[in-house]
Amino acid sequence: MSNEIRPGSVVQLKSGGPLMTVAWVNHEDGVSMAFCEWFIQDKAPWKQEGTTFPVTSLKLIEP
């Protein structure tokens, strides 16, 4: 398996937090940025969230 973060990868911030799915990766000014989506599961209905993180702040979660 590749260690590259790409669309469909499951990731987590290196500092912790929820598991997230990468929707897309973009390269801006020499920095790779990943748009990640996740759900807040504290009560139904679940709330979908998403934002962009530098790839360097993410760790790949192996299946």
N, C-alpha and C. Protein backbone atom coordinates (compact mmCIF):
# COMPACT_ATOMS: atom_id res chain seq x y z
N MET A 1 0.85 -1.19 0.00
CA MET A 1 0.00 0.00 0.00
C MET A 1 0.89 1.24 0.00
N SER A 2 0.44 2.25 -0.70
CA SER A 2 1.19 3.50 -0.80
C SER A 2 1.03 4.32 0.47
N ASN A 3 2.09 5.04 0.84
CA ASN A 3 2.05 5.92 2.00
C ASN A 3 1.64 7.33 1.60
N GLU A 4 1.15 7.51 0.39
CA GLU A 4 0.77 8.81 -0.12
C GLU A 4 -0.68 9.13 0.27
N ILE A 5 -0.90 10.33 0.77
CA ILE A 5 -2.25 10.79 1.08
C ILE A 5 -2.88 11.25 -0.23
N ARG A 6 -4.03 10.66 -0.55
CA ARG A 6 -4.73 10.97 -1.81
C ARG A 6 -6.23 10.86 -1.58
N PRO A 7 -7.06 11.28 -2.55
CA PRO A 7 -8.51 11.17 -2.37
C PRO A 7 -8.91 9.75 -1.99
N GLY A 8 -9.75 9.66 -0.98
CA GLY A 8 -10.20 8.36 -0.47
C GLY A 8 -9.40 7.86 0.72
N SER A 9 -8.24 8.46 0.98
CA SER A 9 -7.43 8.06 2.14
C SER A 9 -8.14 8.41 3.44
N VAL A 10 -7.96 7.56 4.44
CA VAL A 10 -8.45 7.85 5.78
C VAL A 10 -7.27 8.42 6.56
N VAL A 11 -7.47 9.59 7.14
CA VAL A 11 -6.38 10.29 7.82
C VAL A 11 -6.86 10.81 9.18
N GLN A 12 -5.91 11.27 9.96
CA GLN A 12 -6.18 11.91 11.24
C GLN A 12 -5.12 12.98 11.43
N LEU A 13 -5.46 14.06 12.11
CA LEU A 13 -4.45 15.06 12.44
C LEU A 13 -3.40 14.41 13.33
N LYS A 14 -2.16 14.78 13.13
CA LYS A 14 -1.08 14.23 13.95
C LYS A 14 -1.31 14.54 15.43
N SER A 15 -2.02 15.61 15.72
CA SER A 15 -2.32 15.98 17.11
C SER A 15 -3.55 15.28 17.66
N GLY A 16 -4.22 14.46 16.83
CA GLY A 16 -5.40 13.73 17.27
C GLY A 16 -6.66 14.23 16.59
N GLY A 17 -7.80 13.78 17.07
CA GLY A 17 -9.08 14.19 16.50
C GLY A 17 -9.76 13.04 15.78
N PRO A 18 -10.86 13.35 15.08
CA PRO A 18 -11.63 12.29 14.42
C PRO A 18 -10.92 11.75 13.19
N LEU A 19 -11.31 10.54 12.80
CA LEU A 19 -10.85 10.01 11.52
C LEU A 19 -11.57 10.79 10.43
N MET A 20 -10.85 11.09 9.35
CA MET A 20 -11.38 11.90 8.26
C MET A 20 -11.08 11.22 6.93
N THR A 21 -11.91 11.50 5.94
CA THR A 21 -11.69 11.00 4.58
C THR A 21 -11.25 12.16 3.70
N VAL A 22 -10.18 11.95 2.93
CA VAL A 22 -9.67 12.98 2.03
C VAL A 22 -10.55 13.02 0.79
N ALA A 23 -11.09 14.20 0.47
CA ALA A 23 -11.92 14.38 -0.72
C ALA A 23 -11.06 14.76 -1.92
N TRP A 24 -10.09 15.64 -1.71
CA TRP A 24 -9.18 16.04 -2.78
C TRP A 24 -7.89 16.59 -2.19
N VAL A 25 -6.84 16.57 -3.01
CA VAL A 25 -5.54 17.12 -2.63
C VAL A 25 -5.17 18.14 -3.69
N ASN A 26 -4.70 19.31 -3.26
CA ASN A 26 -4.33 20.39 -4.16
C ASN A 26 -2.94 20.88 -3.75
N HIS A 27 -2.21 21.40 -4.70
CA HIS A 27 -0.87 21.94 -4.43
C HIS A 27 -0.92 23.44 -4.64
N GLU A 28 -0.71 24.21 -3.56
CA GLU A 28 -0.77 25.67 -3.60
C GLU A 28 0.56 26.24 -3.12
N ASP A 29 1.23 26.99 -3.97
CA ASP A 29 2.49 27.65 -3.59
C ASP A 29 3.48 26.68 -2.96
N GLY A 30 3.59 25.49 -3.52
CA GLY A 30 4.54 24.51 -3.03
C GLY A 30 4.10 23.74 -1.80
N VAL A 31 2.86 23.95 -1.35
CA VAL A 31 2.33 23.26 -0.17
C VAL A 31 1.18 22.36 -0.61
N SER A 32 1.22 21.10 -0.23
CA SER A 32 0.12 20.18 -0.52
C SER A 32 -0.96 20.34 0.55
N MET A 33 -2.19 20.59 0.09
CA MET A 33 -3.33 20.77 0.98
C MET A 33 -4.37 19.70 0.68
N ALA A 34 -4.97 19.15 1.73
CA ALA A 34 -6.00 18.11 1.58
C ALA A 34 -7.31 18.61 2.16
N PHE A 35 -8.38 18.49 1.40
CA PHE A 35 -9.71 18.78 1.93
C PHE A 35 -10.24 17.50 2.53
N CYS A 36 -10.55 17.54 3.84
CA CYS A 36 -10.98 16.37 4.59
C CYS A 36 -12.41 16.55 5.07
N GLU A 37 -13.14 15.43 5.10
CA GLU A 37 -14.52 15.43 5.58
C GLU A 37 -14.67 14.40 6.70
N TRP A 38 -15.55 14.69 7.65
CA TRP A 38 -15.82 13.77 8.76
C TRP A 38 -17.21 14.08 9.28
N PHE A 39 -17.69 13.22 10.16
CA PHE A 39 -19.01 13.40 10.77
C PHE A 39 -18.85 13.60 12.27
N ILE A 40 -19.64 14.50 12.82
CA ILE A 40 -19.75 14.67 14.27
C ILE A 40 -20.88 13.75 14.70
N GLN A 41 -20.54 12.79 15.57
CA GLN A 41 -21.47 11.71 15.90
C GLN A 41 -22.02 11.80 17.31
N ASP A 42 -22.10 13.02 17.85
CA ASP A 42 -22.56 13.14 19.24
C ASP A 42 -24.05 12.88 19.42
N LYS A 43 -24.85 13.16 18.39
CA LYS A 43 -26.28 12.87 18.44
C LYS A 43 -26.82 12.82 17.02
N ALA A 44 -27.91 12.11 16.85
CA ALA A 44 -28.52 12.01 15.52
C ALA A 44 -29.31 13.29 15.23
N PRO A 45 -29.39 13.76 14.03
CA PRO A 45 -28.65 13.25 12.88
C PRO A 45 -27.20 13.71 12.93
N TRP A 46 -26.32 12.88 12.40
CA TRP A 46 -24.90 13.23 12.37
C TRP A 46 -24.69 14.47 11.53
N LYS A 47 -23.73 15.28 11.92
CA LYS A 47 -23.44 16.51 11.19
C LYS A 47 -22.14 16.34 10.41
N GLN A 48 -22.20 16.62 9.12
CA GLN A 48 -21.00 16.52 8.27
C GLN A 48 -20.20 17.80 8.37
N GLU A 49 -18.89 17.65 8.52
CA GLU A 49 -17.96 18.78 8.58
C GLU A 49 -16.87 18.57 7.54
N GLY A 50 -16.18 19.63 7.19
CA GLY A 50 -15.06 19.51 6.27
C GLY A 50 -14.24 20.78 6.24
N THR A 51 -12.94 20.63 6.04
CA THR A 51 -12.05 21.77 5.91
C THR A 51 -10.74 21.30 5.29
N THR A 52 -9.87 22.25 4.99
CA THR A 52 -8.59 21.96 4.34
C THR A 52 -7.47 22.01 5.37
N PHE A 53 -6.57 21.01 5.27
CA PHE A 53 -5.41 20.93 6.14
C PHE A 53 -4.15 20.76 5.29
N PRO A 54 -3.01 21.26 5.74
CA PRO A 54 -1.75 20.91 5.07
C PRO A 54 -1.52 19.41 5.24
N VAL A 55 -1.09 18.76 4.17
CA VAL A 55 -0.83 17.32 4.22
C VAL A 55 0.20 16.99 5.30
N THR A 56 1.12 17.89 5.56
CA THR A 56 2.16 17.64 6.58
C THR A 56 1.59 17.55 7.99
N SER A 57 0.33 18.00 8.21
CA SER A 57 -0.27 17.94 9.53
C SER A 57 -1.11 16.67 9.71
N LEU A 58 -1.15 15.81 8.67
CA LEU A 58 -1.99 14.62 8.68
C LEU A 58 -1.15 13.35 8.75
N LYS A 59 -1.73 12.31 9.37
CA LYS A 59 -1.12 10.99 9.32
C LYS A 59 -2.09 10.04 8.67
N LEU A 60 -1.56 9.18 7.82
CA LEU A 60 -2.34 8.19 7.11
C LEU A 60 -2.71 7.05 8.05
N ILE A 61 -3.98 6.68 8.07
CA ILE A 61 -4.46 5.57 8.90
C ILE A 61 -4.53 4.34 8.02
N GLU A 62 -3.77 3.34 8.36
CA GLU A 62 -3.75 2.10 7.58
C GLU A 62 -5.01 1.29 7.90
N PRO A 63 -5.59 0.66 6.88
CA PRO A 63 -6.81 -0.16 7.12
C PRO A 63 -6.49 -1.42 7.90
